[in-house]
Amino acid sequence: MNEVHGDNDVVITMKGTHRGERVWFEPKGVAIEPGTTVTFINRDPGNSHTVTAYHPEIFDRVRRIPKAAKPFDSGYLLPGQTFSLTLTVPGVYDYYCVPHEMAAMVGRIIVGSPALEDWDESALGAGGVRGDVSAQFPSVRDIFNAR
C-alpha cells in the first residue's frame, strides 16, 4: 500500500522486525508518473538504512537505473529520518539498502510506462546482483497490476 502525501508524492517505508532479523522496503515495488517525488522514511526503530541506486558511480555497482537518470544515495538514515527524490526519466529503477542488500532489502520503482518514447528498462537485464537478491525484485507486470 502506498502512503500518499500530496497529489504527486509517494512514500516508501523502511521497516524491520524488533529483533532485526528481517528488514524491507514497503512497498517493494511501485509505479509512478515522471516528475513524482518519492520520499523514503525509516520506520525501523532498530536499524539505520540507505536508499542507494545501483550505479557505477556508487560503490562501482552495475547500473540498474535508466542511463539518462542521475544516481542517488541517501547515506545512512536513522529511525525517523527521510530522504526524497524526484524521478523524471522514464524506466526501471532498482535500489537497495547498503548494509542490508544481502538480506533482500531491495526495491524497484517504475517511472512512466513502456509506451513512453524515452522508456529505459535496461535494469531488467543488467545483472550485477546475486540470484537470490535478483529474485526479490517484483516484476514490472506485478507492479503495474498492483496499481
Foldseek 3Di string as FASTA:
>chain_A
DWDDDDPQETEWEWEADLVRPAIAIVPQEAEHEAFGKYKYAYQYQPAWWKWWWQDCVPPHFFHLWFPPDDTDIPPTDHHGDMDMDGGHQAEKTKTATVVCLVSLHIHIYGYDDPVDPRYDHVNLVRDRDDPVNNVSYDDPVVNVVVD
